[in-house]
Protein backbone atom coordinates (compact mmCIF):
# COMPACT_ATOMS: atom_id res chain seq x y z
CA MET A 1 15.75 1.00 -45.86
CA THR A 2 13.85 2.66 -43.04
CA ILE A 3 15.63 2.40 -39.70
CA VAL A 4 13.77 2.85 -36.45
CA PHE A 5 15.50 5.11 -33.93
CA TYR A 6 14.60 5.31 -30.26
CA ASP A 7 15.64 8.57 -28.65
CA ALA A 8 16.32 9.02 -24.95
CA ALA A 9 12.71 9.80 -24.05
CA GLN A 10 11.42 6.75 -25.90
CA VAL A 11 14.01 4.49 -24.27
CA GLU A 12 13.04 5.78 -20.81
CA ALA A 13 9.36 5.16 -21.60
CA LEU A 14 9.73 1.67 -23.09
CA LEU A 15 12.55 0.14 -21.03
CA ASP A 16 10.70 -0.41 -17.76
CA TYR A 17 12.68 -1.77 -14.83
CA PRO A 18 10.71 -4.98 -14.10
CA GLY A 19 10.77 -6.02 -17.74
CA CYS A 20 14.42 -5.11 -18.14
CA ILE A 21 15.42 -7.14 -15.07
CA GLU A 22 13.88 -10.22 -16.65
CA ALA A 23 15.55 -9.38 -19.97
CA MET A 24 18.91 -9.18 -18.18
CA ARG A 25 18.36 -12.55 -16.50
CA GLN A 26 17.76 -14.16 -19.86
CA ALA A 27 20.63 -12.29 -21.52
CA MET A 28 23.16 -13.36 -18.90
CA ILE A 29 21.99 -16.98 -19.05
CA ALA A 30 22.31 -16.90 -22.85
CA LEU A 31 25.76 -15.28 -22.70
CA SER A 32 27.06 -17.93 -20.30
CA SER A 33 25.42 -20.74 -22.32
CA SER A 34 27.05 -19.80 -25.60
CA GLU A 35 30.13 -21.71 -26.69
CA ARG A 36 31.18 -18.92 -29.05
CA PRO A 37 33.66 -16.45 -27.51
CA GLN A 38 32.59 -12.82 -27.56
CA PRO A 39 34.98 -10.02 -28.51
CA LEU A 40 36.14 -7.83 -25.64
CA ARG A 41 35.36 -4.14 -25.65
CA GLN A 42 37.88 -1.81 -27.21
CA ILE A 43 38.58 1.50 -25.47
CA PHE A 44 40.47 4.30 -27.20
CA THR A 45 41.72 7.43 -25.49
CA VAL A 46 40.78 10.39 -27.67
CA GLY A 47 41.73 13.20 -25.28
CA LYS A 48 42.63 13.87 -21.67
CA ASP A 49 40.19 11.79 -19.61
CA GLU A 50 38.13 11.30 -22.78
CA MET A 51 37.44 7.86 -24.21
CA PHE A 52 35.65 6.13 -27.06
CA GLY A 53 34.48 2.57 -26.61
CA THR A 54 33.28 -0.04 -29.08
CA MET A 55 31.42 -3.13 -27.87
CA PRO A 56 30.51 -5.63 -30.61
CA GLY A 57 28.85 -8.99 -30.02
CA GLU A 58 25.88 -11.24 -30.55
CA LEU A 59 22.94 -12.63 -28.64
CA ALA A 60 22.06 -15.76 -30.58
CA ALA A 61 19.19 -16.62 -28.24
CA LEU A 62 17.33 -13.57 -29.57
CA SER A 63 18.75 -13.88 -33.10
CA THR A 64 20.44 -10.51 -32.91
CA PHE A 65 23.92 -9.07 -33.11
CA GLY A 66 25.31 -5.57 -33.12
CA ALA A 67 27.44 -3.09 -31.28
CA LYS A 68 27.43 -0.23 -28.85
CA LEU A 69 29.48 2.83 -29.80
CA ILE A 70 29.93 5.17 -26.88
CA SER A 71 32.02 8.11 -25.72
CA VAL A 72 32.88 8.92 -22.13
CA PHE A 73 33.49 12.65 -21.79
CA ARG A 74 33.31 15.13 -18.95
CA ASP A 75 29.84 16.57 -18.43
CA PRO A 76 30.00 20.38 -18.40
CA GLY A 77 26.71 20.50 -16.53
CA ARG A 78 27.97 18.29 -13.70
CA PRO A 79 31.52 19.15 -12.60
CA GLY A 80 33.62 16.07 -11.89
CA ARG A 81 31.22 13.73 -13.68
CA THR A 82 31.04 12.14 -17.10
CA ARG A 83 28.42 11.22 -19.67
CA HIS A 84 28.19 8.01 -21.69
CA GLN A 85 26.93 9.16 -25.09
CA GLY A 86 26.38 7.06 -28.18
CA VAL A 87 24.16 4.49 -29.83
CA VAL A 88 23.32 0.81 -29.72
CA VAL A 89 22.88 -0.64 -33.22
CA ALA A 90 20.95 -3.92 -33.27
CA TYR A 91 20.83 -6.19 -36.34
CA ASP A 92 18.44 -8.96 -37.29
CA GLY A 93 20.31 -12.24 -37.01
CA THR A 94 18.32 -13.83 -39.84
CA THR A 95 18.33 -11.12 -42.51
CA GLY A 96 21.40 -9.09 -41.49
CA ALA A 97 19.35 -5.90 -41.67
CA VAL A 98 19.47 -3.21 -39.00
CA SER A 99 16.57 -3.82 -36.61
CA CYS A 100 16.82 -0.51 -34.79
CA ILE A 101 19.14 2.05 -33.25
CA ALA A 102 18.73 3.34 -29.71
CA ASP A 103 20.26 6.11 -27.63
CA ALA A 104 22.92 4.28 -25.62
CA GLU A 105 22.97 6.58 -22.60
CA PRO A 106 19.57 5.61 -21.11
CA VAL A 107 19.97 2.00 -22.30
CA THR A 108 23.26 1.75 -20.41
CA LYS A 109 21.84 3.41 -17.32
CA ILE A 110 18.80 1.14 -17.03
CA ARG A 111 20.27 -2.17 -18.19
CA THR A 112 23.28 -1.85 -15.86
CA ALA A 113 21.07 -1.39 -12.81
CA CYS A 114 18.73 -4.16 -13.90
CA ALA A 115 21.64 -6.57 -14.41
CA THR A 116 22.80 -5.71 -10.89
CA ALA A 117 19.29 -6.40 -9.60
CA ALA A 118 19.24 -9.82 -11.30
CA ALA A 119 22.64 -10.66 -9.79
CA THR A 120 21.53 -9.44 -6.36
CA ASP A 121 18.44 -11.61 -6.53
CA ALA A 122 20.67 -14.61 -7.22
CA LEU A 123 23.39 -13.92 -4.66
CA ALA A 124 22.05 -11.85 -1.75
CA ARG A 125 20.62 -13.49 1.34
CA ALA A 126 16.88 -14.04 1.16
CA ASP A 127 16.43 -11.96 4.31
CA ALA A 128 18.58 -9.01 3.18
CA GLU A 129 16.82 -5.86 4.40
CA VAL A 130 19.32 -2.98 4.33
CA LEU A 131 20.66 -1.59 1.04
CA ALA A 132 23.58 0.83 0.75
CA ILE A 133 24.41 2.71 -2.43
CA PHE A 134 27.86 4.27 -2.75
CA GLY A 135 27.65 7.04 -5.36
CA THR A 136 25.39 9.92 -6.36
CA GLY A 137 25.34 9.85 -10.17
CA VAL A 138 22.87 8.48 -12.70
CA GLN A 139 23.77 4.89 -11.83
CA ALA A 140 22.96 5.57 -8.18
CA GLU A 141 19.50 6.75 -9.25
CA ALA A 142 18.98 3.73 -11.50
CA HIS A 143 20.14 1.27 -8.84
CA LEU A 144 17.81 2.86 -6.30
CA CYS A 145 14.96 2.16 -8.73
CA ALA A 146 16.02 -1.39 -9.61
CA LEU A 147 17.25 -3.05 -6.40
CA PRO A 148 14.00 -2.70 -4.38
CA LEU A 149 12.29 -4.77 -7.08
CA VAL A 150 14.18 -7.91 -6.00
CA ARG A 151 14.28 -7.45 -2.20
CA ARG A 152 11.96 -5.71 0.26
CA PHE A 153 14.48 -3.40 1.89
CA ARG A 154 13.50 -2.04 5.26
CA GLU A 155 16.16 0.64 5.03
CA ILE A 156 18.05 2.26 2.14
CA LEU A 157 21.27 4.20 2.78
CA LEU A 158 23.10 6.55 0.42
CA TRP A 159 26.71 7.67 0.68
CA GLY A 160 28.62 9.98 -1.63
CA GLN A 161 31.80 12.01 -1.57
CA SER A 162 29.79 15.24 -1.68
CA ALA A 163 27.58 15.55 1.41
CA LYS A 164 25.43 18.17 -0.31
CA ARG A 165 24.83 16.04 -3.41
CA THR A 166 24.12 13.00 -1.22
CA ARG A 167 21.44 14.87 0.74
CA GLU A 168 19.89 16.24 -2.46
CA LEU A 169 19.74 12.84 -4.17
CA ALA A 170 18.40 11.14 -1.03
CA ALA A 171 15.57 13.69 -0.85
CA LYS A 172 14.81 13.40 -4.57
CA MET A 173 14.73 9.60 -4.62
CA SER A 174 12.71 9.44 -1.41
CA ARG A 175 9.99 11.32 -3.30
CA VAL A 176 10.37 9.16 -6.41
CA LEU A 177 10.27 5.83 -4.59
CA GLY A 178 7.89 6.74 -1.79
CA GLN A 179 10.40 5.33 0.69
CA THR A 180 12.87 7.15 2.90
CA ILE A 181 16.43 7.18 1.55
CA THR A 182 18.84 8.09 4.33
CA ALA A 183 21.94 10.16 3.52
CA VAL A 184 24.90 8.80 5.50
CA ALA A 185 27.98 10.89 6.21
CA GLU A 186 30.52 8.05 6.42
CA GLY A 187 30.98 5.13 4.06
CA GLN A 188 32.07 2.93 6.94
CA GLU A 189 28.74 3.47 8.70
CA ALA A 190 26.77 2.64 5.55
CA ALA A 191 28.79 -0.52 4.93
CA GLY A 192 28.52 -1.66 8.52
CA ARG A 193 24.75 -1.52 8.45
CA ALA A 194 24.16 -2.97 4.98
CA ASP A 195 23.20 -6.43 3.74
CA VAL A 196 23.61 -5.39 0.09
CA ILE A 197 26.12 -2.77 -1.11
CA CYS A 198 26.35 -1.30 -4.61
CA THR A 199 29.40 0.78 -5.54
CA VAL A 200 28.51 3.00 -8.49
CA THR A 201 31.16 5.71 -8.19
CA SER A 202 33.74 7.21 -10.51
CA SER A 203 36.40 7.05 -7.81
CA ALA A 204 39.94 6.09 -8.75
CA GLN A 205 40.68 4.89 -5.20
CA PRO A 206 38.77 2.47 -2.93
CA VAL A 207 35.63 3.87 -1.33
CA LEU A 208 34.74 0.56 0.35
CA LEU A 209 37.12 -1.42 2.56
CA GLY A 210 36.95 -5.09 3.41
CA GLU A 211 37.21 -4.44 7.14
CA TRP A 212 33.94 -2.48 7.03
CA VAL A 213 31.86 -5.26 5.45
CA ARG A 214 29.88 -7.66 7.62
CA SER A 215 29.68 -11.41 7.07
CA GLY A 216 26.80 -12.34 4.80
CA THR A 217 26.87 -9.12 2.77
CA HIS A 218 26.44 -9.11 -1.00
CA ILE A 219 28.58 -6.61 -2.95
CA ASN A 220 27.96 -5.27 -6.47
CA LEU A 221 31.01 -3.59 -8.05
CA VAL A 222 29.74 -1.44 -10.89
CA GLY A 223 31.55 1.90 -11.14
CA SER A 224 34.93 0.87 -12.60
CA SER A 225 34.63 -0.50 -16.13
CA TYR A 226 38.27 -0.56 -17.23
CA LEU A 227 41.75 -1.11 -15.83
CA GLY A 228 42.76 1.71 -13.52
CA PRO A 229 40.02 2.96 -11.16
CA VAL A 230 39.25 0.69 -8.20
CA GLU A 231 36.25 1.04 -5.90
CA VAL A 232 37.18 -1.53 -3.21
CA ASP A 233 40.38 -2.69 -1.57
CA THR A 234 42.18 -5.97 -2.12
CA PRO A 235 41.19 -7.57 1.24
CA LEU A 236 37.52 -7.34 0.21
CA VAL A 237 38.22 -8.93 -3.17
CA VAL A 238 40.19 -11.73 -1.50
CA LYS A 239 37.56 -12.71 1.05
CA ALA A 240 34.56 -12.55 -1.30
CA ARG A 241 33.04 -15.32 -3.41
CA TYR A 242 33.61 -13.57 -6.73
CA PHE A 243 31.34 -13.76 -9.81
CA ALA A 244 31.69 -11.96 -13.15
CA ASP A 245 29.14 -10.83 -15.69
CA TYR A 246 31.45 -12.18 -18.44
CA ARG A 247 34.54 -13.98 -17.15
CA PRO A 248 36.97 -13.26 -20.03
CA GLY A 249 36.11 -9.58 -19.84
CA VAL A 250 36.60 -9.36 -16.09
CA LEU A 251 39.87 -11.29 -16.22
CA ALA A 252 41.17 -8.82 -18.80
CA GLN A 253 39.61 -5.55 -17.64
CA GLY A 254 38.40 -5.87 -14.05
CA ALA A 255 40.52 -3.33 -12.16
CA GLU A 256 39.96 -4.53 -8.60
CA LEU A 257 40.72 -8.11 -9.60
CA ALA A 258 43.86 -7.02 -11.47
CA VAL A 259 45.23 -5.15 -8.45
CA ALA A 260 44.74 -8.17 -6.18
CA ARG A 261 46.20 -10.50 -8.80
CA ASP A 262 49.25 -8.27 -9.34
CA ALA A 263 49.80 -8.31 -5.58
CA GLY A 264 50.07 -12.10 -5.79
CA VAL A 265 47.27 -12.81 -3.32
CA ILE A 266 44.87 -14.38 -5.86
CA ASP A 267 44.94 -15.79 -9.37
CA ASP A 268 42.37 -16.16 -12.14
CA THR A 269 40.70 -19.08 -10.36
CA HIS A 270 39.40 -16.58 -7.79
CA VAL A 271 36.63 -15.78 -10.30
CA ILE A 272 34.23 -18.62 -9.48
CA GLY A 273 32.27 -18.17 -12.69
CA GLU A 274 29.64 -16.07 -14.41
CA ILE A 275 26.37 -14.84 -12.99
CA GLY A 276 24.58 -16.41 -15.97
CA ASP A 277 25.63 -19.85 -14.76
CA VAL A 278 24.23 -19.07 -11.32
CA LEU A 279 20.95 -17.86 -12.81
CA ALA A 280 20.76 -21.03 -14.92
CA ALA A 281 21.38 -23.17 -11.78
CA ARG A 282 24.56 -24.61 -13.30
CA LEU A 283 26.72 -23.06 -10.58
CA GLU A 284 26.09 -22.52 -6.89
CA GLY A 285 25.99 -18.88 -5.90
CA ARG A 286 25.85 -18.16 -2.18
CA GLU A 287 26.90 -21.24 -0.21
CA ASN A 288 25.82 -20.03 3.23
CA ASP A 289 24.43 -16.98 5.01
CA ASP A 290 27.82 -15.95 6.42
CA GLN A 291 29.57 -15.74 3.08
CA ILE A 292 30.41 -12.45 1.38
CA THR A 293 29.43 -12.63 -2.27
CA LEU A 294 30.60 -10.24 -4.99
CA TYR A 295 29.29 -9.52 -8.49
CA LYS A 296 31.61 -7.61 -10.81
CA SER A 297 29.76 -5.68 -13.50
CA LEU A 298 31.86 -4.56 -16.43
CA GLY A 299 28.88 -4.48 -18.77
CA HIS A 300 28.50 -6.54 -21.92
CA VAL A 301 26.89 -5.80 -25.27
CA ALA A 302 24.62 -8.84 -24.77
CA GLN A 303 22.89 -6.77 -22.10
CA ASP A 304 22.48 -3.85 -24.49
CA LEU A 305 21.15 -6.07 -27.27
CA ALA A 306 18.66 -7.75 -24.92
CA ALA A 307 17.49 -4.39 -23.60
CA VAL A 308 17.07 -2.97 -27.10
CA ALA A 309 15.26 -6.12 -28.32
CA TYR A 310 12.86 -5.79 -25.39
CA LEU A 311 12.16 -2.09 -25.92
CA HIS A 312 11.87 -2.56 -29.70
CA GLU A 313 9.25 -5.26 -29.21
CA ARG A 314 7.32 -2.94 -26.90
CA GLY A 315 7.72 -0.11 -29.39
CA ARG A 316 6.31 -2.18 -32.25
CA ARG A 317 3.33 -3.16 -30.12
């Protein structure tokens, strides 16, 4: 059996942002439409601050199933940061044969940002014009590429814990996007000016506080993908209309939700539903322009399978 493998360069070339955003819309609709429960990710600690994750599942709408196998280790080339290294293995749902294998690191980077973009398109105000990104890693770069595809932002702000890194990334992405990215020294300033906020940090403690966020803002919580690290405080979770990518996963592994729930200020009903139900028009997203909406992204293998199916189709053509 010959197995097709897509390396990082091929993934970057084939998994374009506009196409991947549409693939994520369809994947999230399919995930929320399925009556079959999906297994939750398993995370094993293999060393100090070193983890191995397995994410099995299926995407029946595309007749595929498979798994992502990924490690999260410190990146020697970027002090204080980690890399997500591994593979996505996609199977043919009809024959059971391996369809292809793809480098998981660029797949994860691009599909995560594109899923955020799809959620933002569904939940942000139509007139949202200021975007703030909290974080300066690879997800910050990917979100800066993806989010302007769903809203015409007049202003884009970037905040990070390292002022030097924030200035460097702002300058780099200004050149890439052909639009000025403004480095902001204080997170409170960025939040107070923004209509859409994406937190894509590796912080263990809140970098965004509820008291900073204006009415009508849409929030994407992306950086924390397991119990422990939290990017926002409990007051923000409490006052937001809260949507999950996959509700069972967020109820079990969403750190910010768990902290608020353990404090006794919310329960599981605080999660209104899944973004796939909003995209399918089965559930109302934003109810009015003053409401704060929140999308919690843990990531799901359905997103990986949809991204790999899309890039594999492009690769075959």
